């Protein structure tokens, strides 16, 4: 997994509207890049709704919030419409972004091991480096933790 101080790799992936979002175009601002397993599942829905509800706080701090999962742009669009989300969701269908950040890892569920997205969040500074990282995120209270860390680091 990328660690504090690591440079963020260049990436270009489609958002929910099938528009390309490239790191080179958004670099220079604070970015919250959070990885989650799947649209419309309980934890992922809570996290997306929490980020949407707190979006004005992040916008005030000139910060972009981007969610990433292996779901397609169409699934993201349906998720956004169903839950009235205001954040941008990035589609990483080939899992290249998940692998670049080190969040595509072995997981266990009901005794079975498989590869999947380990819920993780990266706070990226305007200079393109990881300023803070959360691994194996617990959803409850997470968005507040991210906001507080951003306020602390962006001073």
N, C-alpha and C. Protein backbone atom coordinates (compact mmCIF):
# COMPACT_ATOMS: atom_id res chain seq x y z
N UNK A 1 0.84 -1.18 0.00
CA UNK A 1 0.00 0.00 0.00
C UNK A 1 0.89 1.24 0.00
N UNK A 2 0.49 2.26 -0.75
CA UNK A 2 1.24 3.51 -0.74
C UNK A 2 1.27 4.07 0.69
N UNK A 3 2.38 4.68 1.05
CA UNK A 3 2.57 5.20 2.40
C UNK A 3 2.79 6.71 2.35
N UNK A 4 2.72 7.33 3.51
CA UNK A 4 2.95 8.77 3.63
C UNK A 4 4.30 9.11 3.00
N UNK A 5 4.29 10.14 2.14
CA UNK A 5 5.49 10.58 1.47
C UNK A 5 5.68 10.00 0.08
N UNK A 6 4.96 8.91 -0.23
CA UNK A 6 5.06 8.32 -1.57
C UNK A 6 4.42 9.24 -2.60
N UNK A 7 5.01 9.28 -3.79
CA UNK A 7 4.42 10.02 -4.89
C UNK A 7 3.24 9.22 -5.45
N UNK A 8 2.18 9.94 -5.75
CA UNK A 8 0.99 9.30 -6.32
C UNK A 8 1.27 9.01 -7.79
N UNK A 9 1.03 7.78 -8.23
CA UNK A 9 1.28 7.46 -9.63
C UNK A 9 0.27 8.17 -10.54
N UNK A 10 0.72 8.50 -11.75
CA UNK A 10 -0.21 9.09 -12.71
C UNK A 10 -1.30 8.08 -13.02
N UNK A 11 -2.50 8.58 -13.20
CA UNK A 11 -3.60 7.71 -13.59
C UNK A 11 -4.62 8.49 -14.41
N UNK A 12 -5.34 7.78 -15.24
CA UNK A 12 -6.48 8.31 -15.98
C UNK A 12 -7.55 7.21 -15.97
N UNK A 13 -8.69 7.51 -15.37
CA UNK A 13 -9.80 6.56 -15.32
C UNK A 13 -11.10 7.30 -15.59
N UNK A 14 -12.11 6.53 -15.96
CA UNK A 14 -13.42 7.13 -16.26
C UNK A 14 -14.21 7.37 -14.98
N UNK A 15 -14.96 8.48 -15.00
CA UNK A 15 -15.89 8.72 -13.89
C UNK A 15 -17.26 8.15 -14.25
N UNK A 16 -18.25 8.46 -13.43
CA UNK A 16 -19.60 7.93 -13.62
C UNK A 16 -20.24 8.38 -14.93
N UNK A 17 -19.74 9.47 -15.50
CA UNK A 17 -20.28 9.97 -16.77
C UNK A 17 -19.41 9.57 -17.96
N UNK A 18 -18.49 8.63 -17.71
CA UNK A 18 -17.56 8.13 -18.72
C UNK A 18 -16.62 9.21 -19.24
N UNK A 19 -16.38 10.23 -18.41
CA UNK A 19 -15.40 11.28 -18.70
C UNK A 19 -14.08 10.88 -18.04
N UNK A 20 -12.99 11.10 -18.74
CA UNK A 20 -11.69 10.73 -18.21
C UNK A 20 -11.25 11.71 -17.12
N UNK A 21 -10.84 11.17 -15.99
CA UNK A 21 -10.28 11.96 -14.90
C UNK A 21 -8.83 11.55 -14.76
N UNK A 22 -7.92 12.51 -14.97
CA UNK A 22 -6.49 12.23 -14.91
C UNK A 22 -5.87 12.98 -13.73
N UNK A 23 -4.94 12.31 -13.07
CA UNK A 23 -4.28 12.91 -11.92
C UNK A 23 -3.58 14.22 -12.31
N UNK A 24 -2.98 14.25 -13.49
CA UNK A 24 -2.27 15.47 -13.92
C UNK A 24 -3.19 16.69 -13.96
N UNK A 25 -4.49 16.46 -14.19
CA UNK A 25 -5.44 17.56 -14.30
C UNK A 25 -5.97 18.05 -12.95
N UNK A 26 -5.88 17.22 -11.93
CA UNK A 26 -6.41 17.61 -10.62
C UNK A 26 -5.30 17.83 -9.60
N UNK A 27 -4.09 17.45 -9.94
CA UNK A 27 -2.95 17.67 -9.05
C UNK A 27 -2.83 19.17 -8.75
N UNK A 28 -2.33 19.50 -7.58
CA UNK A 28 -2.18 20.91 -7.21
C UNK A 28 -3.23 21.33 -6.20
N UNK A 29 -4.14 20.43 -5.88
CA UNK A 29 -5.15 20.65 -4.83
C UNK A 29 -5.08 19.47 -3.87
N UNK A 30 -5.70 19.63 -2.73
CA UNK A 30 -5.86 18.50 -1.83
C UNK A 30 -6.89 17.55 -2.45
N UNK A 31 -6.63 16.26 -2.33
CA UNK A 31 -7.53 15.24 -2.88
C UNK A 31 -7.75 14.18 -1.82
N UNK A 32 -9.02 13.83 -1.61
CA UNK A 32 -9.37 12.65 -0.82
C UNK A 32 -9.72 11.57 -1.84
N UNK A 33 -8.91 10.52 -1.88
CA UNK A 33 -9.13 9.41 -2.80
C UNK A 33 -9.45 8.19 -1.94
N UNK A 34 -10.72 7.79 -1.98
CA UNK A 34 -11.09 6.64 -1.14
C UNK A 34 -11.51 5.46 -2.02
N UNK A 35 -11.03 4.29 -1.62
CA UNK A 35 -11.30 3.05 -2.34
C UNK A 35 -12.32 2.24 -1.55
N UNK A 36 -13.28 1.69 -2.25
CA UNK A 36 -14.33 0.90 -1.61
C UNK A 36 -14.67 -0.29 -2.50
N UNK A 37 -15.19 -1.37 -1.92
CA UNK A 37 -15.41 -2.61 -2.69
C UNK A 37 -16.49 -2.55 -3.76
N UNK A 38 -17.69 -2.04 -3.43
CA UNK A 38 -18.79 -2.22 -4.37
C UNK A 38 -19.93 -1.25 -4.10
N UNK A 39 -20.50 -0.71 -5.18
CA UNK A 39 -21.65 0.18 -5.07
C UNK A 39 -22.85 -0.56 -4.47
N UNK A 40 -23.69 0.20 -3.77
CA UNK A 40 -24.97 -0.30 -3.24
C UNK A 40 -24.85 -1.41 -2.21
N UNK A 41 -23.72 -1.49 -1.52
CA UNK A 41 -23.60 -2.40 -0.38
C UNK A 41 -23.65 -1.53 0.87
N UNK A 42 -24.03 -2.11 2.01
CA UNK A 42 -24.29 -1.26 3.20
C UNK A 42 -23.14 -0.33 3.60
N UNK A 43 -21.93 -0.86 3.79
CA UNK A 43 -20.81 -0.02 4.22
C UNK A 43 -20.43 1.01 3.17
N UNK A 44 -20.44 0.59 1.92
CA UNK A 44 -20.05 1.49 0.82
C UNK A 44 -21.08 2.60 0.65
N UNK A 45 -22.34 2.27 0.84
CA UNK A 45 -23.40 3.28 0.75
C UNK A 45 -23.26 4.29 1.88
N UNK A 46 -23.04 3.80 3.09
CA UNK A 46 -22.87 4.70 4.23
C UNK A 46 -21.69 5.64 4.00
N UNK A 47 -20.57 5.10 3.53
CA UNK A 47 -19.37 5.91 3.31
C UNK A 47 -19.63 6.97 2.24
N UNK A 48 -20.25 6.59 1.13
CA UNK A 48 -20.54 7.54 0.04
C UNK A 48 -21.51 8.62 0.51
N UNK A 49 -22.53 8.23 1.27
CA UNK A 49 -23.49 9.21 1.79
C UNK A 49 -22.82 10.15 2.79
N UNK A 50 -21.94 9.62 3.63
CA UNK A 50 -21.21 10.46 4.61
C UNK A 50 -20.31 11.47 3.89
N UNK A 51 -19.60 11.02 2.85
CA UNK A 51 -18.76 11.96 2.10
C UNK A 51 -19.62 13.01 1.39
N UNK A 52 -20.77 12.60 0.86
CA UNK A 52 -21.67 13.55 0.21
C UNK A 52 -22.17 14.59 1.20
N UNK A 53 -22.58 14.13 2.38
CA UNK A 53 -23.09 15.04 3.40
C UNK A 53 -22.02 16.03 3.85
N UNK A 54 -20.77 15.58 3.88
CA UNK A 54 -19.67 16.44 4.34
C UNK A 54 -18.98 17.18 3.21
N UNK A 55 -19.44 17.00 1.99
CA UNK A 55 -18.77 17.62 0.84
C UNK A 55 -18.57 19.13 0.99
N UNK A 56 -19.56 19.89 1.51
CA UNK A 56 -19.32 21.34 1.68
C UNK A 56 -18.10 21.64 2.54
N UNK A 57 -17.86 20.82 3.57
CA UNK A 57 -16.67 21.01 4.41
C UNK A 57 -15.38 20.83 3.62
N UNK A 58 -15.36 19.82 2.74
CA UNK A 58 -14.17 19.57 1.93
C UNK A 58 -14.01 20.64 0.86
N UNK A 59 -15.11 21.06 0.26
CA UNK A 59 -15.08 22.10 -0.77
C UNK A 59 -14.52 23.40 -0.19
N UNK A 60 -14.92 23.73 1.04
CA UNK A 60 -14.42 24.92 1.72
C UNK A 60 -12.91 24.86 1.87
N UNK A 61 -12.39 23.64 2.01
CA UNK A 61 -10.94 23.45 2.16
C UNK A 61 -10.26 23.21 0.79
N UNK A 62 -10.95 23.55 -0.30
CA UNK A 62 -10.44 23.38 -1.67
C UNK A 62 -9.97 21.96 -1.94
N UNK A 63 -10.78 21.01 -1.52
CA UNK A 63 -10.43 19.61 -1.63
C UNK A 63 -11.42 18.86 -2.51
N UNK A 64 -10.89 18.00 -3.38
CA UNK A 64 -11.70 17.15 -4.24
C UNK A 64 -11.88 15.80 -3.55
N UNK A 65 -13.10 15.26 -3.56
CA UNK A 65 -13.37 13.94 -3.00
C UNK A 65 -13.71 13.00 -4.15
N UNK A 66 -12.94 11.92 -4.25
CA UNK A 66 -13.15 10.92 -5.30
C UNK A 66 -13.25 9.53 -4.70
N UNK A 67 -14.31 8.82 -5.04
CA UNK A 67 -14.45 7.43 -4.63
C UNK A 67 -14.05 6.53 -5.78
N UNK A 68 -13.41 5.40 -5.48
CA UNK A 68 -12.94 4.48 -6.50
C UNK A 68 -13.39 3.06 -6.16
N UNK A 69 -13.97 2.38 -7.15
CA UNK A 69 -14.25 0.95 -7.02
C UNK A 69 -14.14 0.31 -8.40
N UNK A 70 -14.12 -1.01 -8.46
CA UNK A 70 -14.06 -1.69 -9.76
C UNK A 70 -15.38 -1.68 -10.53
N UNK A 71 -16.41 -1.06 -9.99
CA UNK A 71 -17.70 -1.00 -10.68
C UNK A 71 -17.60 -0.16 -11.96
N UNK A 72 -18.50 -0.43 -12.90
CA UNK A 72 -18.53 0.28 -14.18
C UNK A 72 -19.09 1.70 -14.01
N UNK A 73 -18.83 2.57 -14.98
CA UNK A 73 -19.43 3.91 -14.93
C UNK A 73 -20.97 3.85 -14.83
N UNK A 74 -21.59 2.93 -15.53
CA UNK A 74 -23.05 2.79 -15.47
C UNK A 74 -23.52 2.44 -14.07
N UNK A 75 -22.84 1.49 -13.42
CA UNK A 75 -23.21 1.14 -12.03
C UNK A 75 -23.02 2.35 -11.11
N UNK A 76 -21.94 3.09 -11.32
CA UNK A 76 -21.71 4.31 -10.53
C UNK A 76 -22.84 5.31 -10.73
N UNK A 77 -23.24 5.52 -11.97
CA UNK A 77 -24.32 6.47 -12.26
C UNK A 77 -25.61 6.07 -11.55
N UNK A 78 -25.94 4.79 -11.61
CA UNK A 78 -27.16 4.30 -10.96
C UNK A 78 -27.06 4.47 -9.44
N UNK A 79 -25.89 4.21 -8.88
CA UNK A 79 -25.65 4.38 -7.45
C UNK A 79 -25.82 5.85 -7.06
N UNK A 80 -25.24 6.75 -7.83
CA UNK A 80 -25.34 8.19 -7.57
C UNK A 80 -26.80 8.65 -7.63
N UNK A 81 -27.52 8.20 -8.64
CA UNK A 81 -28.92 8.59 -8.79
C UNK A 81 -29.78 8.03 -7.66
N UNK A 82 -29.57 6.78 -7.32
CA UNK A 82 -30.37 6.11 -6.28
C UNK A 82 -30.18 6.78 -4.91
N UNK A 83 -28.94 7.16 -4.60
CA UNK A 83 -28.61 7.70 -3.27
C UNK A 83 -28.41 9.22 -3.28
N UNK A 84 -28.63 9.87 -4.42
CA UNK A 84 -28.47 11.32 -4.56
C UNK A 84 -27.08 11.77 -4.08
N UNK A 85 -26.06 11.08 -4.56
CA UNK A 85 -24.69 11.39 -4.18
C UNK A 85 -24.19 12.60 -4.95
N UNK A 86 -23.32 13.39 -4.32
CA UNK A 86 -22.76 14.58 -4.93
C UNK A 86 -21.26 14.44 -5.20
N UNK A 87 -20.69 13.31 -4.86
CA UNK A 87 -19.26 13.09 -5.06
C UNK A 87 -19.02 12.44 -6.42
N UNK A 88 -17.79 12.49 -6.88
CA UNK A 88 -17.40 11.86 -8.14
C UNK A 88 -16.92 10.44 -7.84
N UNK A 89 -17.39 9.50 -8.63
CA UNK A 89 -16.96 8.10 -8.49
C UNK A 89 -16.16 7.71 -9.72
N UNK A 90 -15.03 7.07 -9.47
CA UNK A 90 -14.15 6.64 -10.55
C UNK A 90 -14.27 5.13 -10.75
N UNK A 91 -14.28 4.72 -12.01
CA UNK A 91 -14.43 3.32 -12.36
C UNK A 91 -13.06 2.71 -12.65
N UNK A 92 -12.70 1.72 -11.87
CA UNK A 92 -11.41 1.04 -12.02
C UNK A 92 -11.65 -0.43 -12.37
N UNK A 93 -12.32 -0.63 -13.50
CA UNK A 93 -12.73 -1.98 -13.87
C UNK A 93 -11.56 -2.95 -14.04
N UNK A 94 -10.42 -2.46 -14.50
CA UNK A 94 -9.26 -3.36 -14.66
C UNK A 94 -8.41 -3.43 -13.39
N UNK A 95 -8.83 -2.72 -12.36
CA UNK A 95 -8.19 -2.71 -11.05
C UNK A 95 -6.77 -2.16 -11.05
N UNK A 96 -6.39 -1.46 -12.11
CA UNK A 96 -5.02 -0.93 -12.19
C UNK A 96 -4.76 0.14 -11.13
N UNK A 97 -5.75 0.97 -10.85
CA UNK A 97 -5.59 2.01 -9.84
C UNK A 97 -5.55 1.38 -8.44
N UNK A 98 -6.43 0.41 -8.21
CA UNK A 98 -6.42 -0.31 -6.93
C UNK A 98 -5.07 -0.98 -6.69
N UNK A 99 -4.52 -1.58 -7.74
CA UNK A 99 -3.22 -2.26 -7.62
C UNK A 99 -2.10 -1.24 -7.41
N UNK A 100 -2.15 -0.10 -8.12
CA UNK A 100 -1.12 0.93 -7.98
C UNK A 100 -1.06 1.49 -6.56
N UNK A 101 -2.22 1.58 -5.92
CA UNK A 101 -2.27 2.10 -4.54
C UNK A 101 -2.11 0.98 -3.50
N UNK A 102 -2.09 -0.27 -3.96
CA UNK A 102 -1.89 -1.39 -3.05
C UNK A 102 -3.11 -1.78 -2.25
N UNK A 103 -4.30 -1.52 -2.77
CA UNK A 103 -5.52 -1.85 -2.02
C UNK A 103 -6.23 -3.10 -2.59
N UNK A 104 -5.73 -3.66 -3.68
CA UNK A 104 -6.27 -4.91 -4.25
C UNK A 104 -5.47 -6.04 -3.61
N UNK A 105 -6.06 -6.65 -2.58
CA UNK A 105 -5.32 -7.60 -1.74
C UNK A 105 -6.21 -8.78 -1.35
N UNK A 106 -5.59 -9.82 -0.80
CA UNK A 106 -6.37 -10.96 -0.31
C UNK A 106 -7.30 -10.53 0.83
N UNK A 107 -8.51 -11.06 0.79
CA UNK A 107 -9.51 -10.82 1.83
C UNK A 107 -10.12 -12.16 2.19
N UNK A 108 -10.76 -12.21 3.36
CA UNK A 108 -11.45 -13.42 3.79
C UNK A 108 -12.89 -13.08 4.12
N UNK A 109 -13.80 -13.98 3.72
CA UNK A 109 -15.20 -13.84 4.06
C UNK A 109 -15.79 -15.23 4.17
N UNK A 110 -16.37 -15.52 5.31
CA UNK A 110 -17.00 -16.82 5.57
C UNK A 110 -16.05 -17.98 5.23
N UNK A 111 -14.79 -17.83 5.64
CA UNK A 111 -13.82 -18.90 5.46
C UNK A 111 -13.19 -18.99 4.09
N UNK A 112 -13.64 -18.16 3.16
CA UNK A 112 -13.08 -18.20 1.81
C UNK A 112 -12.15 -17.01 1.61
N UNK A 113 -11.03 -17.29 0.94
CA UNK A 113 -10.09 -16.21 0.64
C UNK A 113 -10.22 -15.85 -0.84
N UNK A 114 -10.17 -14.55 -1.12
CA UNK A 114 -10.30 -14.05 -2.48
C UNK A 114 -9.60 -12.70 -2.57
N UNK A 115 -9.37 -12.22 -3.78
CA UNK A 115 -8.80 -10.88 -3.97
C UNK A 115 -9.93 -9.87 -4.06
N UNK A 116 -9.74 -8.73 -3.41
CA UNK A 116 -10.75 -7.68 -3.45
C UNK A 116 -10.17 -6.36 -2.98
N UNK A 117 -11.01 -5.34 -3.01
CA UNK A 117 -10.60 -4.01 -2.57
C UNK A 117 -10.66 -3.95 -1.04
N UNK A 118 -9.54 -3.63 -0.43
CA UNK A 118 -9.51 -3.37 1.01
C UNK A 118 -9.84 -1.89 1.18
N UNK A 119 -10.94 -1.61 1.89
CA UNK A 119 -11.40 -0.23 2.05
C UNK A 119 -10.27 0.64 2.62
N UNK A 120 -9.87 1.65 1.85
CA UNK A 120 -8.72 2.49 2.21
C UNK A 120 -8.96 3.91 1.72
N UNK A 121 -8.34 4.86 2.39
CA UNK A 121 -8.46 6.27 1.99
C UNK A 121 -7.08 6.90 1.99
N UNK A 122 -6.84 7.73 0.97
CA UNK A 122 -5.58 8.44 0.85
C UNK A 122 -5.87 9.94 0.79
N UNK A 123 -5.15 10.69 1.59
CA UNK A 123 -5.20 12.14 1.54
C UNK A 123 -3.95 12.57 0.77
N UNK A 124 -4.19 13.19 -0.39
CA UNK A 124 -3.10 13.54 -1.30
C UNK A 124 -2.89 15.05 -1.26
N UNK A 125 -1.65 15.45 -1.02
CA UNK A 125 -1.33 16.88 -0.90
C UNK A 125 -1.19 17.50 -2.29
N UNK A 126 -1.22 18.83 -2.34
CA UNK A 126 -1.11 19.51 -3.63
C UNK A 126 0.18 19.19 -4.40
N UNK A 127 1.23 18.74 -3.71
CA UNK A 127 2.48 18.40 -4.40
C UNK A 127 2.47 16.98 -4.97
N UNK A 128 1.33 16.29 -4.86
CA UNK A 128 1.20 14.97 -5.48
C UNK A 128 1.72 13.82 -4.65
N UNK A 129 1.85 14.05 -3.36
CA UNK A 129 2.33 12.97 -2.47
C UNK A 129 1.24 12.56 -1.47
N UNK A 130 1.35 11.34 -0.99
CA UNK A 130 0.42 10.87 0.03
C UNK A 130 0.75 11.59 1.33
N UNK A 131 -0.22 12.36 1.83
CA UNK A 131 -0.03 13.10 3.08
C UNK A 131 -0.48 12.26 4.27
N UNK A 132 -1.45 11.38 4.03
CA UNK A 132 -1.94 10.50 5.09
C UNK A 132 -2.69 9.35 4.43
N UNK A 133 -2.67 8.19 5.08
CA UNK A 133 -3.38 7.02 4.53
C UNK A 133 -4.07 6.25 5.65
N UNK A 134 -5.26 5.79 5.35
CA UNK A 134 -6.02 4.94 6.26
C UNK A 134 -6.19 3.58 5.58
N UNK A 135 -5.84 2.51 6.28
CA UNK A 135 -5.96 1.15 5.76
C UNK A 135 -7.04 0.40 6.53
N UNK A 136 -7.74 -0.48 5.85
CA UNK A 136 -8.80 -1.29 6.50
C UNK A 136 -9.76 -0.39 7.27
N UNK A 137 -10.32 0.57 6.55
CA UNK A 137 -11.17 1.60 7.13
C UNK A 137 -12.45 1.01 7.73
N UNK A 138 -12.79 1.50 8.91
CA UNK A 138 -14.11 1.26 9.50
C UNK A 138 -14.92 2.50 9.15
N UNK A 139 -16.09 2.31 8.58
CA UNK A 139 -16.86 3.42 8.00
C UNK A 139 -17.32 4.42 9.05
N UNK A 140 -17.81 3.94 10.18
CA UNK A 140 -18.38 4.85 11.18
C UNK A 140 -17.34 5.86 11.67
N UNK A 141 -17.63 7.14 11.47
CA UNK A 141 -16.75 8.21 11.94
C UNK A 141 -15.57 8.49 11.03
N UNK A 142 -15.42 7.72 9.96
CA UNK A 142 -14.24 7.86 9.11
C UNK A 142 -14.17 9.23 8.41
N UNK A 143 -15.28 9.68 7.86
CA UNK A 143 -15.28 10.95 7.12
C UNK A 143 -14.87 12.10 8.04
N UNK A 144 -15.31 12.08 9.27
CA UNK A 144 -14.91 13.10 10.24
C UNK A 144 -13.40 13.03 10.49
N UNK A 145 -12.86 11.81 10.62
CA UNK A 145 -11.41 11.65 10.80
C UNK A 145 -10.64 12.25 9.62
N UNK A 146 -11.13 12.01 8.41
CA UNK A 146 -10.47 12.52 7.22
C UNK A 146 -10.51 14.04 7.21
N UNK A 147 -11.66 14.61 7.53
CA UNK A 147 -11.80 16.07 7.55
C UNK A 147 -10.87 16.69 8.59
N UNK A 148 -10.81 16.10 9.77
CA UNK A 148 -9.94 16.63 10.82
C UNK A 148 -8.47 16.55 10.43
N UNK A 149 -8.06 15.45 9.81
CA UNK A 149 -6.66 15.29 9.38
C UNK A 149 -6.34 16.30 8.29
N UNK A 150 -7.28 16.51 7.37
CA UNK A 150 -7.10 17.49 6.30
C UNK A 150 -6.93 18.89 6.89
N UNK A 151 -7.77 19.25 7.85
CA UNK A 151 -7.67 20.57 8.48
C UNK A 151 -6.31 20.73 9.15
N UNK A 152 -5.83 19.68 9.80
CA UNK A 152 -4.55 19.72 10.49
C UNK A 152 -3.39 19.88 9.50
N UNK A 153 -3.41 19.11 8.41
CA UNK A 153 -2.29 19.09 7.48
C UNK A 153 -2.29 20.27 6.50
N UNK A 154 -3.43 20.86 6.27
CA UNK A 154 -3.50 21.92 5.25
C UNK A 154 -3.25 23.31 5.82
N UNK A 155 -2.95 23.40 7.10
CA UNK A 155 -2.67 24.70 7.71
C UNK A 155 -1.31 25.22 7.33
